[in-house]
Amino acid sequence: MLFLKQVRRDGHLAGLSSRVGAMQRNPELDRLRVSIDNLDTAVICLLAERFKITKRVGILKKERGLPAADPDREVQQIARLREVAEQSELDPEFAEKLLGFIVAEVVRHHEAIASAD
């Protein structure tokens, strides 16, 4: 029985020949993973842009004495994005949870902005 004790820095298993690694390569899997990596990068970049905009919203709310959270807007956004999720064949429950997580973080940022000098 073969016991693998170490994974090298390049992700290959120590002690296995390159022939075994080559047999396990799957070009389609590699291509799909590259696509996933690119999409993950895009998601992070989009979130960064979103948070730059919501930071400005937080500043405007502070200047105008508005509360950090806007429950009416959140309800509208959830309904709109659930519909978008359904049209995009994404689980609307997942979309709602994701939006809830993002909105909670935005509200936290807005509260920090409101309490800053």
Protein backbone atom coordinates (compact mmCIF):
# COMPACT_ATOMS: atom_id res chain seq x y z
CA MET A 1 0.00 0.00 0.00
CA LEU A 2 1.29 3.46 -0.91
CA PHE A 3 1.22 6.13 1.79
CA LEU A 4 1.60 9.69 0.61
CA LYS A 5 3.23 11.82 3.25
CA GLN A 6 3.98 15.09 1.54
CA VAL A 7 2.62 17.45 -1.08
CA ARG A 8 5.26 19.56 -2.78
CA ARG A 9 4.89 23.32 -3.17
CA ASP A 10 3.80 22.90 -6.78
CA GLY A 11 0.87 20.77 -5.66
CA HIS A 12 2.29 17.45 -6.86
CA LEU A 13 2.56 14.58 -4.46
CA ALA A 14 6.08 13.80 -3.32
CA GLY A 15 7.24 10.32 -4.18
CA LEU A 16 5.09 9.87 -7.29
CA SER A 17 6.62 9.87 -10.71
CA SER A 18 5.75 12.60 -13.19
CA ARG A 19 4.19 9.84 -15.31
CA VAL A 20 1.45 9.29 -12.71
CA GLY A 21 0.84 13.05 -12.51
CA ALA A 22 0.58 13.25 -16.29
CA MET A 23 -1.94 10.40 -16.36
CA GLN A 24 -4.15 12.34 -13.94
CA ARG A 25 -4.11 15.59 -15.92
CA ASN A 26 -7.38 16.49 -17.50
CA PRO A 27 -7.29 19.36 -20.02
CA GLU A 28 -11.02 20.02 -19.72
CA LEU A 29 -10.80 20.15 -15.93
CA ASP A 30 -7.81 22.50 -16.18
CA ARG A 31 -9.69 24.76 -18.61
CA LEU A 32 -12.75 24.85 -16.38
CA ARG A 33 -10.64 25.66 -13.34
CA VAL A 34 -9.00 28.55 -15.19
CA SER A 35 -12.48 29.85 -16.01
CA ILE A 36 -13.50 29.53 -12.36
CA ASP A 37 -10.34 31.36 -11.27
CA ASN A 38 -11.10 34.18 -13.71
CA LEU A 39 -14.68 34.45 -12.49
CA ASP A 40 -13.54 34.47 -8.85
CA THR A 41 -11.18 37.32 -9.69
CA ALA A 42 -14.00 39.22 -11.40
CA VAL A 43 -16.29 38.70 -8.39
CA ILE A 44 -13.66 40.15 -6.04
CA CYS A 45 -13.04 43.12 -8.34
CA LEU A 46 -16.77 43.78 -8.64
CA LEU A 47 -17.19 43.61 -4.87
CA ALA A 48 -14.31 46.05 -4.42
CA GLU A 49 -16.03 48.49 -6.80
CA ARG A 50 -19.35 47.98 -5.04
CA PHE A 51 -17.77 48.77 -1.66
CA LYS A 52 -16.12 51.92 -3.04
CA ILE A 53 -19.57 53.13 -4.07
CA THR A 54 -21.25 52.09 -0.82
CA LYS A 55 -18.52 53.92 1.10
CA ARG A 56 -19.57 57.11 -0.69
CA VAL A 57 -23.21 56.29 0.15
CA GLY A 58 -22.19 55.94 3.81
CA ILE A 59 -20.53 59.37 3.72
CA LEU A 60 -23.63 60.92 2.14
CA LYS A 61 -25.86 59.27 4.75
CA LYS A 62 -23.69 60.69 7.52
CA GLU A 63 -23.74 64.17 5.99
CA ARG A 64 -27.55 64.05 5.74
CA GLY A 65 -28.16 62.41 9.10
CA LEU A 66 -29.65 59.25 7.57
CA PRO A 67 -29.49 55.86 9.28
CA ALA A 68 -26.84 53.33 8.26
CA ALA A 69 -29.45 50.75 7.23
CA ASP A 70 -32.31 51.22 4.79
CA PRO A 71 -34.65 48.25 5.31
CA ASP A 72 -37.06 49.31 2.54
CA ARG A 73 -34.22 49.42 -0.01
CA GLU A 74 -32.93 46.06 1.23
CA VAL A 75 -36.34 44.43 0.72
CA GLN A 76 -36.51 45.85 -2.82
CA GLN A 77 -32.99 44.65 -3.61
CA ILE A 78 -33.67 41.16 -2.29
CA ALA A 79 -36.82 40.84 -4.40
CA ARG A 80 -35.05 42.19 -7.50
CA LEU A 81 -31.99 39.98 -7.11
CA ARG A 82 -34.04 36.86 -6.35
CA GLU A 83 -35.72 37.42 -9.72
CA VAL A 84 -32.37 37.95 -11.43
CA ALA A 85 -31.10 34.76 -9.80
CA GLU A 86 -34.08 32.76 -11.04
CA GLN A 87 -33.62 34.12 -14.57
CA SER A 88 -29.92 33.24 -14.37
CA GLU A 89 -30.62 29.71 -13.09
CA LEU A 90 -29.03 30.45 -9.72
CA ASP A 91 -30.69 29.35 -6.50
CA PRO A 92 -32.60 32.45 -5.29
CA GLU A 93 -32.12 31.36 -1.66
CA PHE A 94 -28.37 31.41 -2.19
CA ALA A 95 -28.58 34.82 -3.89
CA GLU A 96 -30.58 36.19 -0.96
CA LYS A 97 -28.08 34.83 1.57
CA LEU A 98 -25.18 36.30 -0.39
CA LEU A 99 -26.88 39.69 -0.64
CA GLY A 100 -27.71 39.55 3.07
CA PHE A 101 -24.06 38.96 3.88
CA ILE A 102 -22.96 41.84 1.65
CA VAL A 103 -25.60 44.23 2.99
CA ALA A 104 -24.68 43.38 6.59
CA GLU A 105 -21.07 44.29 5.82
CA VAL A 106 -22.13 47.52 4.11
CA VAL A 107 -24.26 48.50 7.11
CA ARG A 108 -21.32 47.77 9.40
CA HIS A 109 -19.17 50.09 7.27
CA HIS A 110 -21.89 52.76 7.30
CA GLU A 111 -22.14 52.55 11.09
CA ALA A 112 -18.36 52.99 11.34
CA ILE A 113 -18.51 56.01 9.04
CA ALA A 114 -21.40 57.51 11.05
CA SER A 115 -19.51 57.15 14.33
CA ALA A 116 -16.21 58.53 12.97
CA ASP A 117 -15.20 62.09 13.81
